């Protein structure tokens, strides 16, 4: 029984040490992340691809019953 207790103690130590990673503080600025994502969306031309896809999808939808 002593052997099993030692294994449980080791597992408990590993669980406690992994929980410490969840307590890290991270500086998150959501608005700047959204602005960067939107700028990248515009610069890469994905806005035009979205608009073209919407127009083509609307045209196909109007053709099919």
C-alpha atoms as a PDB file:
ATOM      1  CA  UNK A   1       0.000   0.000   0.000  1.00  0.00           C
ATOM      2  CA  UNK A   2       2.919   2.356   0.567  1.00  0.00           C
ATOM      3  CA  UNK A   3       3.880   2.008  -3.097  1.00  0.00           C
ATOM      4  CA  UNK A   4       0.415   3.162  -4.248  1.00  0.00           C
ATOM      5  CA  UNK A   5       0.498   6.119  -1.879  1.00  0.00           C
ATOM      6  CA  UNK A   6       3.841   7.255  -3.363  1.00  0.00           C
ATOM      7  CA  UNK A   7       2.438   7.116  -6.884  1.00  0.00           C
ATOM      8  CA  UNK A   8      -0.562   9.185  -5.847  1.00  0.00           C
ATOM      9  CA  UNK A   9       1.735  11.729  -4.223  1.00  0.00           C
ATOM     10  CA  UNK A  10       3.744  12.029  -7.441  1.00  0.00           C
ATOM     11  CA  UNK A  11       0.584  12.456  -9.510  1.00  0.00           C
ATOM     12  CA  UNK A  12      -0.663  15.118  -7.141  1.00  0.00           C
ATOM     13  CA  UNK A  13       2.582  17.055  -7.485  1.00  0.00           C
ATOM     14  CA  UNK A  14       2.348  16.919 -11.290  1.00  0.00           C
ATOM     15  CA  UNK A  15      -1.265  18.081 -11.236  1.00  0.00           C
ATOM     16  CA  UNK A  16      -0.472  20.986  -8.930  1.00  0.00           C
ATOM     17  CA  UNK A  17       2.511  22.072 -11.002  1.00  0.00           C
ATOM     18  CA  UNK A  18       0.451  22.040 -14.201  1.00  0.00           C
ATOM     19  CA  UNK A  19      -2.245  24.182 -12.582  1.00  0.00           C
ATOM     20  CA  UNK A  20       0.272  26.944 -12.009  1.00  0.00           C
ATOM     21  CA  UNK A  21       0.452  27.513 -15.751  1.00  0.00           C
ATOM     22  CA  UNK A  22      -3.189  28.579 -15.732  1.00  0.00           C
ATOM     23  CA  UNK A  23      -2.494  31.400 -13.293  1.00  0.00           C
ATOM     24  CA  UNK A  24      -0.301  33.420 -15.636  1.00  0.00           C
ATOM     25  CA  UNK A  25      -1.339  36.974 -16.344  1.00  0.00           C
ATOM     26  CA  UNK A  26      -1.559  37.990 -19.969  1.00  0.00           C
ATOM     27  CA  UNK A  27      -2.018  41.540 -21.189  1.00  0.00           C
ATOM     28  CA  UNK A  28      -4.734  41.289 -23.817  1.00  0.00           C
ATOM     29  CA  UNK A  29      -5.901  44.257 -25.828  1.00  0.00           C
ATOM     30  CA  UNK A  30      -8.860  42.915 -27.769  1.00  0.00           C
ATOM     31  CA  UNK A  31      -9.555  46.109 -29.692  1.00  0.00           C
ATOM     32  CA  UNK A  32      -6.016  46.320 -31.101  1.00  0.00           C
ATOM     33  CA  UNK A  33      -6.193  42.642 -32.086  1.00  0.00           C
ATOM     34  CA  UNK A  34      -9.459  43.288 -33.959  1.00  0.00           C
ATOM     35  CA  UNK A  35      -7.934  46.320 -35.681  1.00  0.00           C
ATOM     36  CA  UNK A  36      -4.878  44.321 -36.774  1.00  0.00           C
ATOM     37  CA  UNK A  37      -7.062  41.503 -38.086  1.00  0.00           C
ATOM     38  CA  UNK A  38      -9.281  43.939 -40.016  1.00  0.00           C
ATOM     39  CA  UNK A  39      -6.248  45.724 -41.519  1.00  0.00           C
ATOM     40  CA  UNK A  40      -4.816  42.405 -42.611  1.00  0.00           C
ATOM     41  CA  UNK A  41      -8.216  41.409 -44.054  1.00  0.00           C
ATOM     42  CA  UNK A  42      -8.290  44.571 -46.152  1.00  0.00           C
ATOM     43  CA  UNK A  43      -4.609  44.545 -47.194  1.00  0.00           C
ATOM     44  CA  UNK A  44      -4.662  40.930 -48.366  1.00  0.00           C
ATOM     45  CA  UNK A  45      -7.635  41.535 -50.653  1.00  0.00           C
ATOM     46  CA  UNK A  46      -9.884  39.170 -48.751  1.00  0.00           C
ATOM     47  CA  UNK A  47     -12.629  41.804 -48.619  1.00  0.00           C
ATOM     48  CA  UNK A  48     -12.879  41.734 -52.411  1.00  0.00           C
ATOM     49  CA  UNK A  49     -12.966  37.942 -52.377  1.00  0.00           C
ATOM     50  CA  UNK A  50     -15.785  38.056 -49.814  1.00  0.00           C
ATOM     51  CA  UNK A  51     -17.793  40.539 -51.871  1.00  0.00           C
ATOM     52  CA  UNK A  52     -17.300  38.571 -55.095  1.00  0.00           C
ATOM     53  CA  UNK A  53     -18.315  35.373 -53.316  1.00  0.00           C
ATOM     54  CA  UNK A  54     -21.449  37.010 -51.928  1.00  0.00           C
ATOM     55  CA  UNK A  55     -22.451  38.314 -55.367  1.00  0.00           C
ATOM     56  CA  UNK A  56     -21.819  34.971 -57.069  1.00  0.00           C
ATOM     57  CA  UNK A  57     -23.673  33.135 -54.303  1.00  0.00           C
ATOM     58  CA  UNK A  58     -26.616  35.513 -54.587  1.00  0.00           C
ATOM     59  CA  UNK A  59     -26.708  35.004 -58.377  1.00  0.00           C
ATOM     60  CA  UNK A  60     -26.574  31.191 -58.046  1.00  0.00           C
ATOM     61  CA  UNK A  61     -29.285  31.290 -55.379  1.00  0.00           C
ATOM     62  CA  UNK A  62     -31.540  33.314 -57.656  1.00  0.00           C
ATOM     63  CA  UNK A  63     -31.016  30.872 -60.550  1.00  0.00           C
ATOM     64  CA  UNK A  64     -31.676  27.691 -58.581  1.00  0.00           C
ATOM     65  CA  UNK A  65     -35.191  27.009 -57.251  1.00  0.00           C
END
